[in-house]
């Protein structure tokens, strides 16, 4: 099979694991992340034919995933008054961590969950996905300078909330 359908299938297969990992970190819940990931790729499939051939498809997918996650979080926060707490088991390298390290991760997860959605998304895209500020801007909207400011403000708020320095 050739053509746009095959190109989209290749893109989806290549990017799905990283988009799902991002959504797990954004939403703090694997089931919600799976739903959001499926919705992301449904929306991307519907819009793929309109995508400019020179577009950054990775940033484009992150933008769709971010919007999907924010919509899901907004809907959930209307129903319940909390945003899901990050489960430390979903973070890489935690399986063998001690009780104290797991508690520290839970505290970080709670602090991250209190960040405004745009700052949380920018922080996740920068720290976990390694996106450049221009790509973060393309993913969450705004300029590269605004993306840099969102990451800076997120880190500043996390430092204040946790009462200790962060790298």
N, C-alpha and C. Protein backbone atom coordinates (compact mmCIF):
# COMPACT_ATOMS: atom_id res chain seq x y z
N UNK A 1 0.84 -1.18 0.00
CA UNK A 1 0.00 0.00 0.00
C UNK A 1 0.89 1.24 0.00
N UNK A 2 0.60 2.18 -0.88
CA UNK A 2 1.36 3.42 -0.98
C UNK A 2 0.41 4.58 -0.87
N UNK A 3 0.97 5.77 -0.74
CA UNK A 3 0.15 6.96 -0.67
C UNK A 3 0.01 7.49 0.74
N UNK A 4 -0.89 8.47 0.91
CA UNK A 4 -1.04 9.12 2.22
C UNK A 4 -1.38 8.15 3.35
N UNK A 5 -2.20 7.15 3.07
CA UNK A 5 -2.56 6.18 4.10
C UNK A 5 -1.35 5.44 4.64
N UNK A 6 -0.48 5.02 3.73
CA UNK A 6 0.73 4.30 4.13
C UNK A 6 1.68 5.22 4.89
N UNK A 7 1.79 6.47 4.44
CA UNK A 7 2.65 7.43 5.13
C UNK A 7 2.15 7.68 6.54
N UNK A 8 0.83 7.82 6.69
CA UNK A 8 0.28 8.05 8.03
C UNK A 8 0.50 6.83 8.91
N UNK A 9 0.31 5.64 8.37
CA UNK A 9 0.52 4.41 9.15
C UNK A 9 1.96 4.34 9.66
N UNK A 10 2.91 4.69 8.81
CA UNK A 10 4.32 4.69 9.22
C UNK A 10 4.56 5.72 10.31
N UNK A 11 4.00 6.90 10.14
CA UNK A 11 4.14 7.96 11.15
C UNK A 11 3.54 7.51 12.47
N UNK A 12 2.35 6.97 12.44
CA UNK A 12 1.67 6.53 13.66
C UNK A 12 2.46 5.42 14.35
N UNK A 13 2.95 4.48 13.60
CA UNK A 13 3.71 3.38 14.18
C UNK A 13 5.00 3.88 14.83
N UNK A 14 5.66 4.83 14.19
CA UNK A 14 6.93 5.36 14.69
C UNK A 14 6.72 6.26 15.91
N UNK A 15 5.67 7.07 15.93
CA UNK A 15 5.50 8.08 16.98
C UNK A 15 4.56 7.67 18.11
N UNK A 16 3.77 6.62 17.94
CA UNK A 16 2.79 6.25 18.97
C UNK A 16 3.42 6.02 20.34
N UNK A 17 4.52 5.26 20.47
CA UNK A 17 5.07 5.03 21.81
C UNK A 17 5.46 6.33 22.54
N UNK A 18 6.08 7.27 21.83
CA UNK A 18 6.50 8.50 22.51
C UNK A 18 5.31 9.40 22.81
N UNK A 19 4.30 9.41 21.95
CA UNK A 19 3.09 10.19 22.22
C UNK A 19 2.36 9.60 23.42
N UNK A 20 2.27 8.29 23.49
CA UNK A 20 1.61 7.64 24.63
C UNK A 20 2.38 7.94 25.93
N UNK A 21 3.69 7.85 25.91
CA UNK A 21 4.49 8.14 27.11
C UNK A 21 4.26 9.59 27.56
N UNK A 22 4.22 10.52 26.61
CA UNK A 22 3.95 11.92 26.92
C UNK A 22 2.58 12.08 27.56
N UNK A 23 1.58 11.42 27.00
CA UNK A 23 0.22 11.52 27.54
C UNK A 23 0.11 10.90 28.93
N UNK A 24 0.83 9.83 29.18
CA UNK A 24 0.84 9.24 30.52
C UNK A 24 1.39 10.25 31.52
N UNK A 25 2.48 10.92 31.14
CA UNK A 25 3.05 11.94 32.04
C UNK A 25 2.13 13.14 32.19
N UNK A 26 1.48 13.52 31.12
CA UNK A 26 0.56 14.67 31.18
C UNK A 26 -0.66 14.37 32.04
N UNK A 27 -1.23 13.20 31.87
CA UNK A 27 -2.50 12.88 32.51
C UNK A 27 -2.34 12.09 33.81
N UNK A 28 -1.19 11.45 33.99
CA UNK A 28 -0.93 10.71 35.22
C UNK A 28 -1.71 9.42 35.35
N UNK A 29 -2.34 8.98 34.28
CA UNK A 29 -3.18 7.79 34.34
C UNK A 29 -3.07 7.08 33.01
N UNK A 30 -2.65 5.83 33.04
CA UNK A 30 -2.41 5.09 31.79
C UNK A 30 -3.69 4.89 30.98
N UNK A 31 -4.81 4.60 31.66
CA UNK A 31 -6.06 4.38 30.93
C UNK A 31 -6.50 5.65 30.19
N UNK A 32 -6.45 6.79 30.89
CA UNK A 32 -6.80 8.06 30.24
C UNK A 32 -5.83 8.36 29.10
N UNK A 33 -4.55 8.06 29.33
CA UNK A 33 -3.54 8.31 28.29
C UNK A 33 -3.79 7.45 27.06
N UNK A 34 -4.18 6.20 27.25
CA UNK A 34 -4.50 5.32 26.12
C UNK A 34 -5.67 5.90 25.32
N UNK A 35 -6.71 6.35 26.04
CA UNK A 35 -7.86 6.96 25.37
C UNK A 35 -7.44 8.21 24.60
N UNK A 36 -6.64 9.06 25.26
CA UNK A 36 -6.19 10.30 24.62
C UNK A 36 -5.29 10.00 23.42
N UNK A 37 -4.47 8.97 23.52
CA UNK A 37 -3.60 8.60 22.41
C UNK A 37 -4.43 8.15 21.21
N UNK A 38 -5.43 7.33 21.47
CA UNK A 38 -6.29 6.88 20.38
C UNK A 38 -7.00 8.08 19.74
N UNK A 39 -7.51 8.98 20.57
CA UNK A 39 -8.18 10.18 20.05
C UNK A 39 -7.20 11.05 19.26
N UNK A 40 -5.98 11.15 19.74
CA UNK A 40 -4.94 11.93 19.05
C UNK A 40 -4.73 11.41 17.64
N UNK A 41 -4.57 10.10 17.51
CA UNK A 41 -4.29 9.53 16.19
C UNK A 41 -5.53 9.51 15.30
N UNK A 42 -6.71 9.45 15.88
CA UNK A 42 -7.93 9.60 15.07
C UNK A 42 -8.00 11.01 14.48
N UNK A 43 -7.73 12.01 15.32
CA UNK A 43 -7.75 13.40 14.84
C UNK A 43 -6.64 13.63 13.82
N UNK A 44 -5.47 13.08 14.09
CA UNK A 44 -4.34 13.25 13.16
C UNK A 44 -4.65 12.59 11.82
N UNK A 45 -5.25 11.42 11.86
CA UNK A 45 -5.59 10.73 10.61
C UNK A 45 -6.57 11.56 9.79
N UNK A 46 -7.56 12.14 10.47
CA UNK A 46 -8.56 12.95 9.77
C UNK A 46 -7.93 14.19 9.14
N UNK A 47 -6.89 14.74 9.76
CA UNK A 47 -6.28 15.98 9.27
C UNK A 47 -5.02 15.75 8.44
N UNK A 48 -4.55 14.54 8.34
CA UNK A 48 -3.27 14.26 7.69
C UNK A 48 -3.23 14.72 6.24
N UNK A 49 -4.32 14.58 5.53
CA UNK A 49 -4.36 14.99 4.13
C UNK A 49 -4.18 16.48 3.92
N UNK A 50 -4.49 17.27 4.94
CA UNK A 50 -4.37 18.74 4.85
C UNK A 50 -3.01 19.24 5.33
N UNK A 51 -2.18 18.33 5.82
CA UNK A 51 -0.88 18.71 6.37
C UNK A 51 0.09 19.06 5.25
N UNK A 52 0.78 20.17 5.42
CA UNK A 52 1.80 20.60 4.47
C UNK A 52 2.94 19.59 4.48
N UNK A 53 3.43 19.22 3.33
CA UNK A 53 4.51 18.24 3.22
C UNK A 53 5.78 18.62 3.94
N UNK A 54 6.01 19.91 4.15
CA UNK A 54 7.22 20.37 4.82
C UNK A 54 7.01 20.54 6.33
N UNK A 55 5.83 20.20 6.81
CA UNK A 55 5.50 20.40 8.23
C UNK A 55 6.31 19.47 9.12
N UNK A 56 6.55 19.91 10.34
CA UNK A 56 7.21 19.09 11.36
C UNK A 56 6.13 18.19 11.96
N UNK A 57 6.06 16.95 11.49
CA UNK A 57 4.98 16.05 11.90
C UNK A 57 5.07 15.70 13.38
N UNK A 58 6.27 15.66 13.94
CA UNK A 58 6.41 15.36 15.37
C UNK A 58 5.77 16.45 16.21
N UNK A 59 6.09 17.71 15.92
CA UNK A 59 5.49 18.83 16.66
C UNK A 59 3.98 18.88 16.42
N UNK A 60 3.56 18.59 15.20
CA UNK A 60 2.14 18.57 14.86
C UNK A 60 1.40 17.53 15.71
N UNK A 61 1.97 16.33 15.83
CA UNK A 61 1.35 15.30 16.66
C UNK A 61 1.32 15.69 18.13
N UNK A 62 2.40 16.31 18.60
CA UNK A 62 2.42 16.75 20.00
C UNK A 62 1.36 17.83 20.25
N UNK A 63 1.13 18.67 19.27
CA UNK A 63 0.09 19.70 19.43
C UNK A 63 -1.29 19.03 19.54
N UNK A 64 -1.55 18.08 18.69
CA UNK A 64 -2.84 17.36 18.76
C UNK A 64 -2.95 16.63 20.10
N UNK A 65 -1.87 15.96 20.53
CA UNK A 65 -1.88 15.23 21.80
C UNK A 65 -2.07 16.18 22.97
N UNK A 66 -1.41 17.32 22.93
CA UNK A 66 -1.55 18.30 24.02
C UNK A 66 -2.98 18.81 24.10
N UNK A 67 -3.53 19.18 22.97
CA UNK A 67 -4.92 19.65 22.97
C UNK A 67 -5.89 18.58 23.45
N UNK A 68 -5.67 17.35 23.03
CA UNK A 68 -6.51 16.23 23.47
C UNK A 68 -6.40 16.04 24.98
N UNK A 69 -5.17 16.07 25.49
CA UNK A 69 -4.96 15.90 26.94
C UNK A 69 -5.58 17.05 27.73
N UNK A 70 -5.42 18.27 27.24
CA UNK A 70 -6.00 19.42 27.94
C UNK A 70 -7.52 19.35 27.94
N UNK A 71 -8.10 18.95 26.83
CA UNK A 71 -9.56 18.79 26.77
C UNK A 71 -10.03 17.71 27.74
N UNK A 72 -9.31 16.60 27.78
CA UNK A 72 -9.67 15.52 28.70
C UNK A 72 -9.53 15.98 30.15
N UNK A 73 -8.44 16.68 30.45
CA UNK A 73 -8.21 17.16 31.82
C UNK A 73 -9.27 18.18 32.23
N UNK A 74 -9.64 19.07 31.30
CA UNK A 74 -10.68 20.06 31.61
C UNK A 74 -12.01 19.37 31.90
N UNK A 75 -12.35 18.41 31.08
CA UNK A 75 -13.59 17.67 31.28
C UNK A 75 -13.58 16.91 32.59
N UNK A 76 -12.46 16.32 32.89
CA UNK A 76 -12.33 15.56 34.13
C UNK A 76 -12.37 16.49 35.34
N UNK A 77 -11.73 17.66 35.23
CA UNK A 77 -11.71 18.57 36.37
C UNK A 77 -13.09 19.17 36.64
N UNK A 78 -13.94 19.21 35.62
CA UNK A 78 -15.31 19.65 35.86
C UNK A 78 -16.07 18.60 36.65
N UNK A 79 -15.77 17.34 36.38
CA UNK A 79 -16.47 16.25 37.07
C UNK A 79 -15.91 16.02 38.46
N UNK A 80 -14.60 16.12 38.59
CA UNK A 80 -13.96 15.95 39.89
C UNK A 80 -12.99 17.09 40.09
N UNK A 81 -12.69 17.41 41.31
CA UNK A 81 -11.92 18.63 41.58
C UNK A 81 -10.42 18.38 41.67
N UNK A 82 -9.91 17.38 40.99
CA UNK A 82 -8.47 17.13 41.00
C UNK A 82 -7.99 16.73 39.61
N UNK A 83 -6.72 16.93 39.39
CA UNK A 83 -6.06 16.42 38.20
C UNK A 83 -5.30 15.19 38.64
N UNK A 84 -5.30 14.15 37.86
CA UNK A 84 -4.71 12.87 38.28
C UNK A 84 -3.28 13.05 38.77
N UNK A 85 -2.99 12.35 39.87
CA UNK A 85 -1.65 12.35 40.43
C UNK A 85 -0.77 11.44 39.58
N UNK A 86 0.46 11.84 39.34
CA UNK A 86 1.37 11.02 38.56
C UNK A 86 1.76 9.80 39.36
N UNK A 87 1.66 8.65 38.78
CA UNK A 87 2.06 7.40 39.41
C UNK A 87 3.54 7.20 39.17
N UNK A 88 4.36 7.14 40.23
CA UNK A 88 5.81 7.01 40.04
C UNK A 88 6.19 5.78 39.23
N UNK A 89 5.34 4.74 39.23
CA UNK A 89 5.66 3.54 38.47
C UNK A 89 5.65 3.79 36.97
N UNK A 90 5.01 4.89 36.52
CA UNK A 90 4.98 5.20 35.10
C UNK A 90 6.25 5.91 34.64
N UNK A 91 7.07 6.35 35.57
CA UNK A 91 8.30 7.04 35.23
C UNK A 91 9.43 6.04 35.05
N UNK A 92 10.29 6.30 34.08
CA UNK A 92 11.38 5.37 33.77
C UNK A 92 12.36 5.28 34.93
N UNK A 93 12.89 4.08 35.16
CA UNK A 93 13.95 3.89 36.14
C UNK A 93 13.50 3.87 37.58
N UNK A 94 12.22 3.67 37.86
CA UNK A 94 11.73 3.75 39.22
C UNK A 94 11.48 2.38 39.84
N UNK A 95 11.44 1.35 39.04
CA UNK A 95 11.05 0.03 39.53
C UNK A 95 11.84 -0.39 40.76
N UNK A 96 13.14 -0.13 40.81
CA UNK A 96 13.95 -0.55 41.94
C UNK A 96 14.16 0.54 42.97
N UNK A 97 13.46 1.64 42.88
CA UNK A 97 13.67 2.76 43.78
C UNK A 97 13.15 2.44 45.17
N UNK A 98 13.80 3.01 46.17
CA UNK A 98 13.38 2.81 47.55
C UNK A 98 12.14 3.61 47.88
N UNK A 99 11.64 3.40 49.10
CA UNK A 99 10.41 4.06 49.56
C UNK A 99 10.57 5.58 49.54
N UNK A 100 11.71 6.06 50.02
CA UNK A 100 11.92 7.51 50.07
C UNK A 100 11.93 8.12 48.67
N UNK A 101 12.59 7.45 47.72
CA UNK A 101 12.63 7.95 46.35
C UNK A 101 11.24 7.96 45.74
N UNK A 102 10.45 6.93 46.04
CA UNK A 102 9.09 6.86 45.50
C UNK A 102 8.23 7.98 46.09
N UNK A 103 8.42 8.28 47.36
CA UNK A 103 7.67 9.38 47.99
C UNK A 103 8.07 10.72 47.38
N UNK A 104 9.37 10.89 47.10
CA UNK A 104 9.84 12.12 46.45
C UNK A 104 9.19 12.26 45.07
N UNK A 105 9.12 11.15 44.34
CA UNK A 105 8.49 11.19 43.02
C UNK A 105 7.01 11.52 43.11
N UNK A 106 6.34 10.98 44.12
CA UNK A 106 4.93 11.31 44.30
C UNK A 106 4.76 12.80 44.59
N UNK A 107 5.67 13.36 45.40
CA UNK A 107 5.61 14.79 45.70
C UNK A 107 5.82 15.61 44.43
N UNK A 108 6.77 15.20 43.60
CA UNK A 108 7.00 15.88 42.33
C UNK A 108 5.75 15.76 41.45
N UNK A 109 5.17 14.57 41.39
CA UNK A 109 3.96 14.36 40.59
C UNK A 109 2.82 15.26 41.04
N UNK A 110 2.64 15.38 42.36
CA UNK A 110 1.58 16.27 42.87
C UNK A 110 1.87 17.73 42.52
N UNK A 111 3.14 18.12 42.63
CA UNK A 111 3.51 19.49 42.29
C UNK A 111 3.31 19.77 40.81
N UNK A 112 3.68 18.82 39.96
CA UNK A 112 3.49 18.99 38.51
C UNK A 112 2.01 19.10 38.19
N UNK A 113 1.18 18.32 38.89
CA UNK A 113 -0.27 18.34 38.62
C UNK A 113 -0.89 19.69 38.96
N UNK A 114 -0.24 20.48 39.81
CA UNK A 114 -0.80 21.79 40.16
C UNK A 114 -0.41 22.89 39.17
N UNK A 115 0.52 22.59 38.26
CA UNK A 115 0.94 23.59 37.28
C UNK A 115 -0.20 23.90 36.32
N UNK A 116 -0.26 25.13 35.83
CA UNK A 116 -1.22 25.44 34.77
C UNK A 116 -0.96 24.53 33.56
N UNK A 117 -2.00 24.14 32.86
CA UNK A 117 -1.83 23.16 31.77
C UNK A 117 -0.77 23.51 30.74
N UNK A 118 -0.69 24.75 30.32
CA UNK A 118 0.29 25.12 29.29
C UNK A 118 1.71 24.97 29.83
N UNK A 119 1.93 25.36 31.09
CA UNK A 119 3.26 25.20 31.69
C UNK A 119 3.61 23.73 31.87
N UNK A 120 2.64 22.94 32.29
CA UNK A 120 2.87 21.50 32.46
C UNK A 120 3.23 20.86 31.12
N UNK A 121 2.49 21.21 30.08
CA UNK A 121 2.76 20.65 28.75
C UNK A 121 4.15 21.06 28.27
N UNK A 122 4.49 22.33 28.41
CA UNK A 122 5.80 22.81 27.96
C UNK A 122 6.92 22.11 28.72
N UNK A 123 6.76 21.95 30.02
CA UNK A 123 7.77 21.28 30.83
C UNK A 123 7.94 19.83 30.40
N UNK A 124 6.85 19.12 30.20
CA UNK A 124 6.92 17.71 29.78
C UNK A 124 7.58 17.58 28.41
N UNK A 125 7.21 18.46 27.49
CA UNK A 125 7.78 18.39 26.14
C UNK A 125 9.28 18.68 26.16
N UNK A 126 9.70 19.60 27.01
CA UNK A 126 11.11 19.97 27.07
C UNK A 126 11.93 18.92 27.82
N UNK A 127 11.48 18.55 29.01
CA UNK A 127 12.28 17.67 29.87
C UNK A 127 12.20 16.20 29.49
N UNK A 128 11.04 15.73 29.11
CA UNK A 128 10.89 14.30 28.84
C UNK A 128 10.99 13.97 27.36
N UNK A 129 10.53 14.87 26.51
CA UNK A 129 10.55 14.58 25.08
C UNK A 129 11.72 15.23 24.37
N UNK A 130 12.40 16.18 25.02
CA UNK A 130 13.58 16.80 24.45
C UNK A 130 13.30 17.75 23.29
N UNK A 131 12.08 18.27 23.21
CA UNK A 131 11.75 19.18 22.11
C UNK A 131 12.43 20.54 22.30
N UNK A 132 12.78 21.15 21.20
CA UNK A 132 13.31 22.52 21.21
C UNK A 132 12.16 23.48 21.46
N UNK A 133 12.47 24.70 21.88
CA UNK A 133 11.43 25.67 22.21
C UNK A 133 10.53 25.99 21.02
N UNK A 134 11.09 26.03 19.83
CA UNK A 134 10.26 26.29 18.64
C UNK A 134 9.26 25.16 18.42
N UNK A 135 9.68 23.93 18.66
CA UNK A 135 8.78 22.79 18.50
C UNK A 135 7.73 22.77 19.62
N UNK A 136 8.12 23.17 20.82
CA UNK A 136 7.15 23.28 21.92
C UNK A 136 6.11 24.33 21.57
N UNK A 137 6.56 25.45 21.02
CA UNK A 137 5.63 26.50 20.60
C UNK A 137 4.67 25.98 19.55
N UNK A 138 5.17 25.19 18.62
CA UNK A 138 4.31 24.62 17.59
C UNK A 138 3.33 23.62 18.20
N UNK A 139 3.72 22.98 19.29
CA UNK A 139 2.87 21.97 19.92
C UNK A 139 1.80 22.55 20.83
N UNK A 140 2.16 23.58 21.60
CA UNK A 140 1.19 24.13 22.56
C UNK A 140 0.64 25.49 22.15
N UNK A 141 1.21 26.05 21.10
CA UNK A 141 0.77 27.36 20.64
C UNK A 141 1.64 28.46 21.23
N UNK A 142 1.76 29.54 20.52
CA UNK A 142 2.56 30.66 20.98
C UNK A 142 3.91 30.71 20.28
N UNK A 143 4.81 31.46 20.89
CA UNK A 143 6.14 31.66 20.32
C UNK A 143 7.16 30.81 21.07
N UNK A 144 8.36 30.73 20.50
CA UNK A 144 9.45 30.02 21.18
C UNK A 144 9.79 30.71 22.50
N UNK A 145 9.71 32.03 22.52
CA UNK A 145 9.99 32.77 23.76
C UNK A 145 8.94 32.46 24.82
N UNK A 146 7.69 32.34 24.41
CA UNK A 146 6.63 32.00 25.37
C UNK A 146 6.82 30.57 25.88
N UNK A 147 7.25 29.68 25.01
CA UNK A 147 7.52 28.30 25.43
C UNK A 147 8.64 28.28 26.46
N UNK A 148 9.70 29.03 26.20
CA UNK A 148 10.82 29.13 27.15
C UNK A 148 10.34 29.69 28.48
N UNK A 149 9.49 30.72 28.43
CA UNK A 149 8.96 31.31 29.65
C UNK A 149 8.07 30.32 30.41
N UNK A 150 7.27 29.54 29.68
CA UNK A 150 6.42 28.54 30.33
C UNK A 150 7.26 27.49 31.05
N UNK A 151 8.34 27.02 30.42
CA UNK A 151 9.22 26.04 31.06
C UNK A 151 9.88 26.68 32.29
N UNK A 152 10.37 27.89 32.14
CA UNK A 152 11.03 28.58 33.26
C UNK A 152 10.07 28.74 34.44
N UNK A 153 8.85 29.21 34.16
CA UNK A 153 7.87 29.41 35.23
C UNK A 153 7.49 28.09 35.88
N UNK A 154 7.37 27.03 35.10
CA UNK A 154 7.04 25.72 35.64
C UNK A 154 8.14 25.25 36.60
N UNK A 155 9.39 25.37 36.19
CA UNK A 155 10.51 24.96 37.04
C UNK A 155 10.54 25.81 38.30
N UNK A 156 10.32 27.10 38.16
CA UNK A 156 10.32 28.01 39.32
C UNK A 156 9.22 27.61 40.32
N UNK A 157 8.04 27.32 39.81
CA UNK A 157 6.94 26.91 40.68
C UNK A 157 7.21 25.57 41.34
N UNK A 158 7.82 24.65 40.61
CA UNK A 158 8.16 23.35 41.20
C UNK A 158 9.20 23.51 42.30
N UNK A 159 10.19 24.34 42.06
CA UNK A 159 11.20 24.59 43.10
C UNK A 159 10.55 25.15 44.36
N UNK A 160 9.66 26.10 44.18
CA UNK A 160 8.99 26.70 45.33
C UNK A 160 8.10 25.67 46.05
N UNK A 161 7.38 24.88 45.28
CA UNK A 161 6.47 23.90 45.87
C UNK A 161 7.22 22.79 46.60
N UNK A 162 8.38 22.42 46.09
CA UNK A 162 9.11 21.31 46.68
C UNK A 162 10.14 21.77 47.72
N UNK A 163 10.42 23.07 47.72
CA UNK A 163 11.32 23.62 48.71
C UNK A 163 12.76 23.18 48.58
N UNK A 164 13.15 22.78 47.40
CA UNK A 164 14.54 22.40 47.16
C UNK A 164 14.88 22.58 45.70
N UNK A 165 16.14 22.60 45.36
CA UNK A 165 16.58 22.83 43.98
C UNK A 165 16.26 21.66 43.08
N UNK A 166 15.95 21.96 41.86
CA UNK A 166 15.73 20.97 40.82
C UNK A 166 16.73 21.20 39.71
N UNK A 167 17.12 20.15 39.05
CA UNK A 167 18.06 20.28 37.92
C UNK A 167 17.35 20.78 36.71
